Amino acid sequence: MAFAIIAIRTPEDNGDGRYPDVTSSDDSHLVSLEPADGAAITRVRAQRIAVYQETGGDLPPIIEPVDLELDVIITDARLIVASRKFDQCRTWGGLGPAGVVAAGALTVISKASAAQRRRGKTLAGHIRYPWVNAIAVNQRIDRHNGQEIIRLQLTDDTGSHGRRLILELVFPPLTPMIRVTPLM
């Protein structure tokens, strides 16, 4: 399996170094910190995350989860992303009054099933700073209504040839980017 920056992990998956070690579901901290992470830790909440892979000059998303609560942890050694509240369900649509009611019921059932499926699982990933090739920080008022965007680019050399990956994090308006960017 190719490295994708973020993946759904359980504590049994820990130890490979490509992804952060996740904690048990009853621990309020989503991931375990390492000694190299230091004491200067910044925690912020992101609204959206996506991972893009360069393919023939295009950058299609390979991972773009929706409807999640994403913690971003910035340490002295790496940027960590983690969430236990991510959507693994399907939203249903319907036509007409009866269709809308049925679709709503199916969506509620799907969300409840998704909560059960993700129990004990964490969507987690990290980028160690030596892996980073480039960083872009900007505000895109036209596309994201004033939200701040940070993109980190890295090259995955785990396969037979390197591939360029971009991690994009979108933060809500008024997120103090001065707190986020100095460590990067």
C-alpha atoms as a PDB file:
ATOM      1  CA  MET A   1       0.000   0.000   0.000  1.00  0.00           C
ATOM      2  CA  ALA A   2       1.335   3.411  -0.948  1.00  0.00           C
ATOM      3  CA  PHE A   3       1.920   6.085   1.660  1.00  0.00           C
ATOM      4  CA  ALA A   4      -0.990   8.563   1.647  1.00  0.00           C
ATOM      5  CA  ILE A   5      -0.072  10.951   4.546  1.00  0.00           C
ATOM      6  CA  ILE A   6      -3.355  10.169   6.358  1.00  0.00           C
ATOM      7  CA  ALA A   7      -5.028   6.830   6.991  1.00  0.00           C
ATOM      8  CA  ILE A   8      -7.575   5.225   9.279  1.00  0.00           C
ATOM      9  CA  ARG A   9      -5.565   3.697  12.119  1.00  0.00           C
ATOM     10  CA  THR A  10      -6.078   1.683  15.301  1.00  0.00           C
ATOM     11  CA  PRO A  11      -3.639   1.222  18.206  1.00  0.00           C
ATOM     12  CA  GLU A  12      -2.786  -2.198  16.731  1.00  0.00           C
ATOM     13  CA  ASP A  13      -1.345  -0.421  13.652  1.00  0.00           C
ATOM     14  CA  ASN A  14       1.193   1.576  15.704  1.00  0.00           C
ATOM     15  CA  GLY A  15       4.938   1.402  15.300  1.00  0.00           C
ATOM     16  CA  ASP A  16       5.681   1.742  11.593  1.00  0.00           C
ATOM     17  CA  GLY A  17       6.769   5.412  11.788  1.00  0.00           C
ATOM     18  CA  ARG A  18       4.966   6.401   8.588  1.00  0.00           C
ATOM     19  CA  TYR A  19       1.888   7.395  10.602  1.00  0.00           C
ATOM     20  CA  PRO A  20       1.590   8.709  14.167  1.00  0.00           C
ATOM     21  CA  ASP A  21       0.854   6.230  16.945  1.00  0.00           C
ATOM     22  CA  VAL A  22      -2.822   6.582  17.857  1.00  0.00           C
ATOM     23  CA  THR A  23      -4.185   6.170  21.369  1.00  0.00           C
ATOM     24  CA  SER A  24      -7.103   4.083  22.564  1.00  0.00           C
ATOM     25  CA  SER A  25     -10.580   5.473  22.005  1.00  0.00           C
ATOM     26  CA  ASP A  26     -11.032   6.381  25.691  1.00  0.00           C
ATOM     27  CA  ASP A  27      -7.938   8.637  25.696  1.00  0.00           C
ATOM     28  CA  SER A  28      -8.690  12.332  25.106  1.00  0.00           C
ATOM     29  CA  HIS A  29      -5.374  12.729  23.254  1.00  0.00           C
ATOM     30  CA  LEU A  30      -5.775  11.245  19.788  1.00  0.00           C
ATOM     31  CA  VAL A  31      -2.102  10.492  19.169  1.00  0.00           C
ATOM     32  CA  SER A  32       0.981   9.798  21.251  1.00  0.00           C
ATOM     33  CA  LEU A  33       3.670  12.442  21.288  1.00  0.00           C
ATOM     34  CA  GLU A  34       7.343  11.588  20.847  1.00  0.00           C
ATOM     35  CA  PRO A  35      10.326  13.052  22.748  1.00  0.00           C
ATOM     36  CA  ALA A  36      11.401  14.934  19.581  1.00  0.00           C
ATOM     37  CA  ASP A  37       8.038  16.758  19.556  1.00  0.00           C
ATOM     38  CA  GLY A  38       9.326  19.013  22.349  1.00  0.00           C
ATOM     39  CA  ALA A  39       7.310  21.183  24.677  1.00  0.00           C
ATOM     40  CA  ALA A  40       6.234  23.983  22.301  1.00  0.00           C
ATOM     41  CA  ILE A  41       3.047  22.356  21.016  1.00  0.00           C
ATOM     42  CA  THR A  42       0.303  24.271  19.209  1.00  0.00           C
ATOM     43  CA  ARG A  43      -3.160  22.784  18.751  1.00  0.00           C
ATOM     44  CA  VAL A  44      -5.688  24.211  16.299  1.00  0.00           C
ATOM     45  CA  ARG A  45      -8.840  22.927  14.613  1.00  0.00           C
ATOM     46  CA  ALA A  46      -9.060  22.605  10.830  1.00  0.00           C
ATOM     47  CA  GLN A  47     -12.256  22.497   8.804  1.00  0.00           C
ATOM     48  CA  ARG A  48     -11.058  20.423   5.895  1.00  0.00           C
ATOM     49  CA  ILE A  49      -8.174  18.242   4.790  1.00  0.00           C
ATOM     50  CA  ALA A  50      -7.217  16.848   1.413  1.00  0.00           C
ATOM     51  CA  VAL A  51      -4.255  14.947   0.015  1.00  0.00           C
ATOM     52  CA  TYR A  52      -3.409  15.450  -3.646  1.00  0.00           C
ATOM     53  CA  GLN A  53      -1.043  13.417  -5.820  1.00  0.00           C
ATOM     54  CA  GLU A  54       0.599  14.823  -8.924  1.00  0.00           C
ATOM     55  CA  THR A  55      -0.433  12.735 -11.910  1.00  0.00           C
ATOM     56  CA  GLY A  56       0.689  13.838 -15.356  1.00  0.00           C
ATOM     57  CA  GLY A  57       0.687  17.525 -14.429  1.00  0.00           C
ATOM     58  CA  ASP A  58      -2.717  17.341 -12.685  1.00  0.00           C
ATOM     59  CA  LEU A  59      -3.286  17.284  -8.919  1.00  0.00           C
ATOM     60  CA  PRO A  60      -6.363  15.129  -8.304  1.00  0.00           C
ATOM     61  CA  PRO A  61      -7.361  14.490  -4.681  1.00  0.00           C
ATOM     62  CA  ILE A  62      -6.581  10.967  -3.485  1.00  0.00           C
ATOM     63  CA  ILE A  63      -8.082  11.553  -0.031  1.00  0.00           C
ATOM     64  CA  GLU A  64     -10.697  14.175   0.758  1.00  0.00           C
ATOM     65  CA  PRO A  65     -12.800  13.207   3.771  1.00  0.00           C
ATOM     66  CA  VAL A  66     -15.887  15.255   4.552  1.00  0.00           C
ATOM     67  CA  ASP A  67     -17.826  16.076   7.693  1.00  0.00           C
ATOM     68  CA  LEU A  68     -15.009  15.744  10.209  1.00  0.00           C
ATOM     69  CA  GLU A  69     -13.589  17.409  13.295  1.00  0.00           C
ATOM     70  CA  LEU A  70      -9.858  17.602  12.623  1.00  0.00           C
ATOM     71  CA  ASP A  71      -7.245  18.383  15.250  1.00  0.00           C
ATOM     72  CA  VAL A  72      -3.957  19.787  13.961  1.00  0.00           C
ATOM     73  CA  ILE A  73      -1.015  19.484  16.330  1.00  0.00           C
ATOM     74  CA  ILE A  74       2.151  21.390  15.502  1.00  0.00           C
ATOM     75  CA  THR A  75       5.272  20.289  17.355  1.00  0.00           C
ATOM     76  CA  ASP A  76       9.013  20.945  17.091  1.00  0.00           C
ATOM     77  CA  ALA A  77       9.410  17.871  14.848  1.00  0.00           C
ATOM     78  CA  ARG A  78       6.219  17.393  12.832  1.00  0.00           C
ATOM     79  CA  LEU A  79       2.700  18.452  11.912  1.00  0.00           C
ATOM     80  CA  ILE A  80       0.124  15.904  13.090  1.00  0.00           C
ATOM     81  CA  VAL A  81      -3.523  15.621  12.001  1.00  0.00           C
ATOM     82  CA  ALA A  82      -6.052  13.412  13.771  1.00  0.00           C
ATOM     83  CA  SER A  83      -9.794  12.893  14.052  1.00  0.00           C
ATOM     84  CA  ARG A  84     -12.100  10.359  15.633  1.00  0.00           C
ATOM     85  CA  LYS A  85     -15.158  12.113  14.219  1.00  0.00           C
ATOM     86  CA  PHE A  86     -14.978  11.529  10.505  1.00  0.00           C
ATOM     87  CA  ASP A  87     -17.750  10.517   8.148  1.00  0.00           C
ATOM     88  CA  GLN A  88     -17.761   6.935   6.898  1.00  0.00           C
ATOM     89  CA  CYS A  89     -21.348   6.968   5.808  1.00  0.00           C
ATOM     90  CA  ARG A  90     -23.531   7.749   2.876  1.00  0.00           C
ATOM     91  CA  THR A  91     -25.940  10.666   2.599  1.00  0.00           C
ATOM     92  CA  TRP A  92     -29.111   9.722   0.794  1.00  0.00           C
ATOM     93  CA  GLY A  93     -31.256  11.910  -1.440  1.00  0.00           C
ATOM     94  CA  GLY A  94     -34.911  11.579  -2.384  1.00  0.00           C
ATOM     95  CA  LEU A  95     -37.558  13.083  -4.622  1.00  0.00           C
ATOM     96  CA  GLY A  96     -40.957  14.197  -3.407  1.00  0.00           C
ATOM     97  CA  PRO A  97     -42.174  14.373   0.209  1.00  0.00           C
ATOM     98  CA  ALA A  98     -42.087  10.601   0.798  1.00  0.00           C
ATOM     99  CA  GLY A  99     -38.676  10.330  -0.858  1.00  0.00           C
ATOM    100  CA  VAL A 100     -37.223  13.094   1.299  1.00  0.00           C
ATOM    101  CA  VAL A 101     -38.547  11.449   4.485  1.00  0.00           C
ATOM    102  CA  ALA A 102     -37.170   8.053   3.418  1.00  0.00           C
ATOM    103  CA  ALA A 103     -33.822   9.610   2.457  1.00  0.00           C
ATOM    104  CA  GLY A 104     -33.612  11.354   5.821  1.00  0.00           C
ATOM    105  CA  ALA A 105     -34.289   8.100   7.665  1.00  0.00           C
ATOM    106  CA  LEU A 106     -31.694   6.239   5.570  1.00  0.00           C
ATOM    107  CA  THR A 107     -29.118   8.988   6.235  1.00  0.00           C
ATOM    108  CA  VAL A 108     -29.718   8.780  10.008  1.00  0.00           C
ATOM    109  CA  ILE A 109     -29.328   4.989   9.896  1.00  0.00           C
ATOM    110  CA  SER A 110     -26.195   5.342   7.769  1.00  0.00           C
ATOM    111  CA  LYS A 111     -24.654   7.859  10.200  1.00  0.00           C
ATOM    112  CA  ALA A 112     -25.380   5.582  13.164  1.00  0.00           C
ATOM    113  CA  SER A 113     -23.796   2.648  11.334  1.00  0.00           C
ATOM    114  CA  ALA A 114     -20.781   4.815  10.470  1.00  0.00           C
ATOM    115  CA  ALA A 115     -20.311   5.758  14.139  1.00  0.00           C
ATOM    116  CA  GLN A 116     -20.267   2.067  15.009  1.00  0.00           C
ATOM    117  CA  ARG A 117     -17.783   1.253  12.191  1.00  0.00           C
ATOM    118  CA  ARG A 118     -15.351   3.977  13.237  1.00  0.00           C
ATOM    119  CA  ARG A 119     -15.393   3.031  16.952  1.00  0.00           C
ATOM    120  CA  GLY A 120     -11.780   2.570  18.067  1.00  0.00           C
ATOM    121  CA  LYS A 121     -10.445   4.057  14.834  1.00  0.00           C
ATOM    122  CA  THR A 122      -8.648   7.340  14.273  1.00  0.00           C
ATOM    123  CA  LEU A 123      -8.058   9.167  11.019  1.00  0.00           C
ATOM    124  CA  ALA A 124      -4.437  10.176  11.546  1.00  0.00           C
ATOM    125  CA  GLY A 125      -1.332  11.286   9.746  1.00  0.00           C
ATOM    126  CA  HIS A 126       1.776  13.352  10.152  1.00  0.00           C
ATOM    127  CA  ILE A 127       4.458  15.060   8.155  1.00  0.00           C
ATOM    128  CA  ARG A 128       7.897  15.227   9.683  1.00  0.00           C
ATOM    129  CA  TYR A 129       9.578  18.513   8.767  1.00  0.00           C
ATOM    130  CA  PRO A 130      12.539  16.909   6.899  1.00  0.00           C
ATOM    131  CA  TRP A 131       9.994  15.366   4.499  1.00  0.00           C
ATOM    132  CA  VAL A 132       8.651  18.808   3.445  1.00  0.00           C
ATOM    133  CA  ASN A 133       9.800  20.215   0.073  1.00  0.00           C
ATOM    134  CA  ALA A 134       7.649  23.363   0.051  1.00  0.00           C
ATOM    135  CA  ILE A 135       5.034  25.216   2.117  1.00  0.00           C
ATOM    136  CA  ALA A 136       2.354  27.613   0.906  1.00  0.00           C
ATOM    137  CA  VAL A 137       0.103  29.675   3.178  1.00  0.00           C
ATOM    138  CA  ASN A 138      -2.611  31.828   1.673  1.00  0.00           C
ATOM    139  CA  GLN A 139      -6.083  33.227   2.036  1.00  0.00           C
ATOM    140  CA  ARG A 140      -8.523  32.397  -0.760  1.00  0.00           C
ATOM    141  CA  ILE A 141     -11.512  34.677  -0.241  1.00  0.00           C
ATOM    142  CA  ASP A 142     -13.105  33.751  -3.566  1.00  0.00           C
ATOM    143  CA  ARG A 143     -12.974  29.980  -3.075  1.00  0.00           C
ATOM    144  CA  HIS A 144     -13.231  29.420   0.675  1.00  0.00           C
ATOM    145  CA  ASN A 145     -14.872  32.594   1.983  1.00  0.00           C
ATOM    146  CA  GLY A 146     -11.841  33.938   3.787  1.00  0.00           C
ATOM    147  CA  GLN A 147     -10.584  30.665   5.178  1.00  0.00           C
ATOM    148  CA  GLU A 148      -6.856  30.224   5.604  1.00  0.00           C
ATOM    149  CA  ILE A 149      -5.169  27.457   3.616  1.00  0.00           C
ATOM    150  CA  ILE A 150      -1.843  25.776   4.309  1.00  0.00           C
ATOM    151  CA  ARG A 151      -0.323  23.375   1.785  1.00  0.00           C
ATOM    152  CA  LEU A 152       2.680  21.178   2.484  1.00  0.00           C
ATOM    153  CA  GLN A 153       4.406  19.404  -0.392  1.00  0.00           C
ATOM    154  CA  LEU A 154       6.523  16.294  -0.034  1.00  0.00           C
ATOM    155  CA  THR A 155       7.921  13.541  -2.217  1.00  0.00           C
ATOM    156  CA  ASP A 156       7.053   9.965  -1.341  1.00  0.00           C
ATOM    157  CA  ASP A 157      10.085   7.809  -2.131  1.00  0.00           C
ATOM    158  CA  THR A 158       8.647   4.564  -0.725  1.00  0.00           C
ATOM    159  CA  GLY A 159       7.755   3.134  -4.135  1.00  0.00           C
ATOM    160  CA  SER A 160       9.834   2.433  -7.224  1.00  0.00           C
ATOM    161  CA  HIS A 161       9.701   6.137  -8.175  1.00  0.00           C
ATOM    162  CA  GLY A 162       9.025   9.281  -6.208  1.00  0.00           C
ATOM    163  CA  ARG A 163       5.590  10.846  -6.333  1.00  0.00           C
ATOM    164  CA  ARG A 164       4.660  14.347  -5.280  1.00  0.00           C
ATOM    165  CA  LEU A 165       2.007  14.627  -2.570  1.00  0.00           C
ATOM    166  CA  ILE A 166       0.373  17.779  -1.240  1.00  0.00           C
ATOM    167  CA  LEU A 167      -1.410  17.987   2.094  1.00  0.00           C
ATOM    168  CA  GLU A 168      -3.945  20.817   2.165  1.00  0.00           C
ATOM    169  CA  LEU A 169      -5.443  22.056   5.427  1.00  0.00           C
ATOM    170  CA  VAL A 170      -8.255  24.613   5.486  1.00  0.00           C
ATOM    171  CA  PHE A 171      -8.736  26.593   8.686  1.00  0.00           C
ATOM    172  CA  PRO A 172     -11.780  28.645   9.676  1.00  0.00           C
ATOM    173  CA  PRO A 173     -11.715  32.421   9.272  1.00  0.00           C
ATOM    174  CA  LEU A 174      -9.860  34.276  12.012  1.00  0.00           C
ATOM    175  CA  THR A 175      -7.639  31.305  12.889  1.00  0.00           C
ATOM    176  CA  PRO A 176      -4.465  32.986  14.121  1.00  0.00           C
ATOM    177  CA  MET A 177      -2.051  31.835  11.409  1.00  0.00           C
ATOM    178  CA  ILE A 178       0.774  33.539  13.255  1.00  0.00           C
ATOM    179  CA  ARG A 179       0.402  30.733  15.836  1.00  0.00           C
ATOM    180  CA  VAL A 180       0.432  28.053  13.157  1.00  0.00           C
ATOM    181  CA  THR A 181       3.174  29.019  10.712  1.00  0.00           C
ATOM    182  CA  PRO A 182       6.278  29.949  12.778  1.00  0.00           C
ATOM    183  CA  LEU A 183       7.167  26.328  13.504  1.00  0.00           C
ATOM    184  CA  MET A 184       6.993  25.264   9.894  1.00  0.00           C
END
